[in-house]
């Protein structure tokens, strides 16, 4: 007999399943949690995309000019992008209120 949705436990979940509604992460503004924000000096940018590859939130993408930039709606200000940037394009600055 199949279990109803309310009778399932964590042991019944398949590997790699998503527990929340699909795509629901996009509706949560997580950028309000940060105390620092990335700032950019695009003159030094070589458009390598290492910042985007290493962003734990996946909130960095190319802008119109092809430079990579964080979406401040989702950016938590962790600074990983700044540490991984080989040309030091990204620096972290205190968030202003």
N, C-alpha and C. Protein backbone atom coordinates (compact mmCIF):
# COMPACT_ATOMS: atom_id res chain seq x y z
N UNK A 1 0.84 -1.17 0.00
CA UNK A 1 0.00 0.00 0.00
C UNK A 1 0.89 1.24 0.00
N UNK A 2 0.64 2.14 -0.90
CA UNK A 2 1.43 3.37 -1.03
C UNK A 2 1.13 4.33 0.12
N UNK A 3 2.17 4.99 0.59
CA UNK A 3 2.00 5.97 1.66
C UNK A 3 1.47 7.28 1.09
N UNK A 4 0.64 7.96 1.85
CA UNK A 4 0.18 9.27 1.42
C UNK A 4 1.32 10.26 1.60
N UNK A 5 1.20 11.44 1.01
CA UNK A 5 2.21 12.48 1.09
C UNK A 5 2.55 12.83 2.54
N UNK A 6 1.59 12.78 3.42
CA UNK A 6 1.78 13.17 4.81
C UNK A 6 2.40 12.06 5.66
N UNK A 7 2.47 10.84 5.13
CA UNK A 7 3.05 9.73 5.86
C UNK A 7 4.51 9.48 5.49
N UNK A 8 5.04 10.21 4.51
CA UNK A 8 6.42 10.01 4.08
C UNK A 8 7.40 10.55 5.11
N UNK A 9 8.52 9.87 5.28
CA UNK A 9 9.59 10.34 6.14
C UNK A 9 10.80 10.66 5.28
N UNK A 10 11.87 11.18 5.87
CA UNK A 10 13.08 11.51 5.12
C UNK A 10 13.66 10.25 4.47
N UNK A 11 13.44 9.09 5.05
CA UNK A 11 13.96 7.84 4.47
C UNK A 11 13.28 7.49 3.16
N UNK A 12 12.08 8.03 2.93
CA UNK A 12 11.34 7.75 1.71
C UNK A 12 11.74 8.66 0.55
N UNK A 13 12.52 9.68 0.84
CA UNK A 13 12.93 10.63 -0.20
C UNK A 13 13.99 10.02 -1.09
N UNK A 14 13.91 10.28 -2.37
CA UNK A 14 14.91 9.79 -3.31
C UNK A 14 16.14 10.68 -3.27
N UNK A 15 17.28 10.12 -3.60
CA UNK A 15 18.52 10.89 -3.62
C UNK A 15 18.39 12.03 -4.63
N UNK A 16 18.76 13.23 -4.19
CA UNK A 16 18.73 14.39 -5.08
C UNK A 16 17.37 15.05 -5.21
N UNK A 17 16.40 14.65 -4.41
CA UNK A 17 15.08 15.24 -4.54
C UNK A 17 15.05 16.65 -3.96
N UNK A 18 14.09 17.43 -4.38
CA UNK A 18 13.89 18.78 -3.88
C UNK A 18 12.69 18.74 -2.95
N UNK A 19 12.89 19.22 -1.73
CA UNK A 19 11.83 19.12 -0.74
C UNK A 19 10.82 20.25 -0.86
N UNK A 20 11.25 21.45 -1.26
CA UNK A 20 10.33 22.57 -1.41
C UNK A 20 9.67 22.53 -2.78
N UNK A 21 8.76 23.44 -3.01
CA UNK A 21 8.12 23.52 -4.32
C UNK A 21 9.18 23.82 -5.36
N UNK A 22 9.14 23.20 -6.52
CA UNK A 22 10.15 23.45 -7.54
C UNK A 22 10.22 24.93 -7.91
N UNK A 23 11.43 25.46 -7.93
CA UNK A 23 11.63 26.85 -8.32
C UNK A 23 11.27 27.87 -7.26
N UNK A 24 10.98 27.44 -6.05
CA UNK A 24 10.52 28.38 -5.03
C UNK A 24 11.65 29.27 -4.51
N UNK A 25 12.91 28.88 -4.68
CA UNK A 25 14.03 29.68 -4.16
C UNK A 25 14.07 31.06 -4.80
N UNK A 26 13.61 31.20 -6.02
CA UNK A 26 13.63 32.49 -6.72
C UNK A 26 12.77 33.54 -6.05
N UNK A 27 11.79 33.14 -5.26
CA UNK A 27 10.89 34.11 -4.65
C UNK A 27 11.40 34.64 -3.32
N UNK A 28 12.49 34.09 -2.79
CA UNK A 28 12.99 34.51 -1.49
C UNK A 28 14.17 35.47 -1.66
N UNK A 29 13.97 36.71 -1.23
CA UNK A 29 15.02 37.72 -1.32
C UNK A 29 16.03 37.47 -0.21
N UNK A 30 17.12 36.81 -0.55
CA UNK A 30 18.11 36.46 0.46
C UNK A 30 19.22 37.50 0.58
N UNK A 31 19.25 38.48 -0.32
CA UNK A 31 20.28 39.50 -0.28
C UNK A 31 20.17 40.47 0.89
N UNK A 32 19.06 40.45 1.59
CA UNK A 32 18.89 41.35 2.73
C UNK A 32 19.69 40.89 3.95
N UNK A 33 20.28 39.72 3.89
CA UNK A 33 21.03 39.18 5.02
C UNK A 33 22.46 39.69 5.08
N UNK A 34 22.96 40.26 4.02
CA UNK A 34 24.39 40.55 3.95
C UNK A 34 24.78 41.80 4.72
N UNK A 35 26.04 41.81 5.15
CA UNK A 35 26.62 42.99 5.78
C UNK A 35 27.67 43.61 4.86
N UNK A 36 28.10 42.85 3.84
CA UNK A 36 29.02 43.36 2.85
C UNK A 36 28.48 43.05 1.46
N UNK A 37 28.93 43.85 0.48
CA UNK A 37 28.49 43.64 -0.89
C UNK A 37 29.70 43.71 -1.82
N UNK A 38 29.65 42.99 -2.94
CA UNK A 38 30.76 43.07 -3.89
C UNK A 38 30.70 44.37 -4.68
N UNK A 39 31.87 44.97 -4.90
CA UNK A 39 31.99 46.13 -5.77
C UNK A 39 32.97 45.75 -6.88
N UNK A 40 32.86 46.38 -8.03
CA UNK A 40 33.59 45.93 -9.21
C UNK A 40 34.42 47.04 -9.84
N UNK A 41 35.59 46.67 -10.35
CA UNK A 41 36.43 47.53 -11.18
C UNK A 41 36.56 46.81 -12.51
N UNK A 42 35.57 47.02 -13.38
CA UNK A 42 35.50 46.27 -14.62
C UNK A 42 36.65 46.56 -15.59
N UNK A 43 37.42 47.61 -15.36
CA UNK A 43 38.58 47.89 -16.22
C UNK A 43 39.60 46.76 -16.14
N UNK A 44 39.65 46.07 -15.00
CA UNK A 44 40.60 44.98 -14.81
C UNK A 44 40.02 43.60 -15.17
N UNK A 45 38.72 43.53 -15.44
CA UNK A 45 38.05 42.25 -15.66
C UNK A 45 38.48 41.59 -16.97
N UNK A 46 38.82 40.30 -16.89
CA UNK A 46 39.19 39.54 -18.09
C UNK A 46 38.05 38.62 -18.52
N UNK A 47 36.90 38.73 -17.87
CA UNK A 47 35.68 37.99 -18.21
C UNK A 47 35.89 36.47 -18.14
N UNK A 48 36.66 36.04 -17.15
CA UNK A 48 36.95 34.60 -17.02
C UNK A 48 35.79 33.81 -16.43
N UNK A 49 34.94 34.46 -15.62
CA UNK A 49 33.79 33.79 -15.04
C UNK A 49 34.09 32.96 -13.80
N UNK A 50 35.32 33.04 -13.26
CA UNK A 50 35.62 32.27 -12.05
C UNK A 50 34.76 32.69 -10.87
N UNK A 51 34.40 33.96 -10.83
CA UNK A 51 33.52 34.43 -9.75
C UNK A 51 32.18 33.70 -9.80
N UNK A 52 31.63 33.57 -10.99
CA UNK A 52 30.34 32.89 -11.16
C UNK A 52 30.45 31.40 -10.85
N UNK A 53 31.53 30.78 -11.29
CA UNK A 53 31.71 29.34 -11.04
C UNK A 53 31.84 29.02 -9.56
N UNK A 54 32.39 29.94 -8.79
CA UNK A 54 32.63 29.69 -7.37
C UNK A 54 31.57 30.26 -6.44
N UNK A 55 30.63 31.02 -6.97
CA UNK A 55 29.58 31.61 -6.13
C UNK A 55 28.69 30.51 -5.55
N UNK A 56 28.65 30.37 -4.22
CA UNK A 56 27.83 29.31 -3.63
C UNK A 56 26.33 29.51 -3.83
N UNK A 57 25.91 30.73 -4.12
CA UNK A 57 24.50 31.00 -4.35
C UNK A 57 24.11 30.93 -5.82
N UNK A 58 25.10 30.93 -6.70
CA UNK A 58 24.80 30.90 -8.13
C UNK A 58 24.12 32.17 -8.60
N UNK A 59 24.42 33.29 -7.96
CA UNK A 59 23.72 34.54 -8.29
C UNK A 59 24.56 35.47 -9.16
N UNK A 60 25.69 35.00 -9.69
CA UNK A 60 26.53 35.84 -10.54
C UNK A 60 26.37 35.41 -11.98
N UNK A 61 26.18 36.41 -12.84
CA UNK A 61 26.04 36.13 -14.26
C UNK A 61 26.56 37.30 -15.07
N UNK A 62 26.67 37.11 -16.39
CA UNK A 62 27.19 38.19 -17.23
C UNK A 62 26.19 39.33 -17.39
N UNK A 63 26.72 40.57 -17.42
CA UNK A 63 25.88 41.73 -17.70
C UNK A 63 25.92 42.01 -19.20
N UNK A 64 25.38 43.11 -19.66
CA UNK A 64 25.32 43.42 -21.09
C UNK A 64 26.69 43.50 -21.76
N UNK A 65 27.69 43.92 -21.00
CA UNK A 65 29.05 44.06 -21.54
C UNK A 65 29.85 42.76 -21.44
N UNK A 66 29.29 41.73 -20.84
CA UNK A 66 29.98 40.45 -20.69
C UNK A 66 30.79 40.32 -19.42
N UNK A 67 30.76 41.35 -18.57
CA UNK A 67 31.41 41.26 -17.27
C UNK A 67 30.47 40.53 -16.32
N UNK A 68 31.04 39.80 -15.39
CA UNK A 68 30.22 39.05 -14.45
C UNK A 68 29.90 39.92 -13.24
N UNK A 69 28.64 39.84 -12.81
CA UNK A 69 28.15 40.71 -11.75
C UNK A 69 27.10 39.96 -10.93
N UNK A 70 27.09 40.20 -9.62
CA UNK A 70 26.14 39.53 -8.73
C UNK A 70 24.76 40.19 -8.79
N UNK A 71 23.74 39.38 -8.67
CA UNK A 71 22.37 39.86 -8.53
C UNK A 71 22.17 40.17 -7.05
N UNK A 72 22.06 41.43 -6.71
CA UNK A 72 21.98 41.86 -5.31
C UNK A 72 20.72 41.38 -4.60
N UNK A 73 19.72 40.92 -5.35
CA UNK A 73 18.51 40.37 -4.74
C UNK A 73 18.85 39.09 -3.98
N UNK A 74 19.83 38.32 -4.50
CA UNK A 74 20.19 37.04 -3.91
C UNK A 74 21.55 37.00 -3.23
N UNK A 75 22.45 37.92 -3.55
CA UNK A 75 23.81 37.90 -3.02
C UNK A 75 23.81 38.05 -1.50
N UNK A 76 24.50 37.13 -0.80
CA UNK A 76 24.57 37.18 0.66
C UNK A 76 25.83 37.85 1.16
N UNK A 77 26.72 38.28 0.25
CA UNK A 77 27.92 39.00 0.64
C UNK A 77 28.98 38.13 1.28
N UNK A 78 29.08 36.89 0.89
CA UNK A 78 30.03 35.97 1.51
C UNK A 78 31.48 36.27 1.14
N UNK A 79 31.71 36.89 -0.02
CA UNK A 79 33.06 37.26 -0.43
C UNK A 79 33.82 36.20 -1.19
N UNK A 80 33.22 35.07 -1.47
CA UNK A 80 33.90 34.02 -2.22
C UNK A 80 34.31 34.53 -3.60
N UNK A 81 33.46 35.28 -4.25
CA UNK A 81 33.77 35.82 -5.58
C UNK A 81 35.02 36.70 -5.53
N UNK A 82 35.13 37.49 -4.50
CA UNK A 82 36.27 38.39 -4.33
C UNK A 82 37.56 37.60 -4.13
N UNK A 83 37.49 36.55 -3.33
CA UNK A 83 38.69 35.74 -3.06
C UNK A 83 39.12 34.94 -4.28
N UNK A 84 38.19 34.55 -5.14
CA UNK A 84 38.50 33.72 -6.29
C UNK A 84 38.87 34.51 -7.55
N UNK A 85 38.62 35.81 -7.56
CA UNK A 85 38.90 36.63 -8.75
C UNK A 85 40.41 36.78 -8.94
N UNK A 86 40.97 36.27 -10.06
CA UNK A 86 42.42 36.31 -10.25
C UNK A 86 42.97 37.71 -10.51
N UNK A 87 42.14 38.63 -10.99
CA UNK A 87 42.62 39.99 -11.29
C UNK A 87 42.15 41.01 -10.27
N UNK A 88 41.55 40.55 -9.20
CA UNK A 88 41.09 41.41 -8.10
C UNK A 88 40.13 42.52 -8.56
N UNK A 89 39.25 42.15 -9.47
CA UNK A 89 38.21 43.05 -9.94
C UNK A 89 37.19 43.32 -8.83
N UNK A 90 36.93 42.31 -8.03
CA UNK A 90 35.88 42.37 -7.02
C UNK A 90 36.49 42.61 -5.65
N UNK A 91 35.98 43.61 -4.96
CA UNK A 91 36.34 43.86 -3.57
C UNK A 91 35.04 43.94 -2.77
N UNK A 92 35.15 43.63 -1.50
CA UNK A 92 33.96 43.65 -0.65
C UNK A 92 33.92 44.98 0.10
N UNK A 93 32.73 45.58 0.14
CA UNK A 93 32.53 46.85 0.82
C UNK A 93 31.39 46.69 1.83
N UNK A 94 31.44 47.46 2.88
CA UNK A 94 30.38 47.42 3.89
C UNK A 94 29.05 47.81 3.24
N UNK A 95 28.01 47.09 3.58
CA UNK A 95 26.67 47.37 3.07
C UNK A 95 26.17 48.66 3.72
N UNK A 96 25.60 49.53 2.93
CA UNK A 96 25.03 50.76 3.47
C UNK A 96 23.54 50.56 3.68
N UNK A 97 23.01 51.19 4.70
CA UNK A 97 21.57 51.05 4.99
C UNK A 97 20.77 52.03 4.20
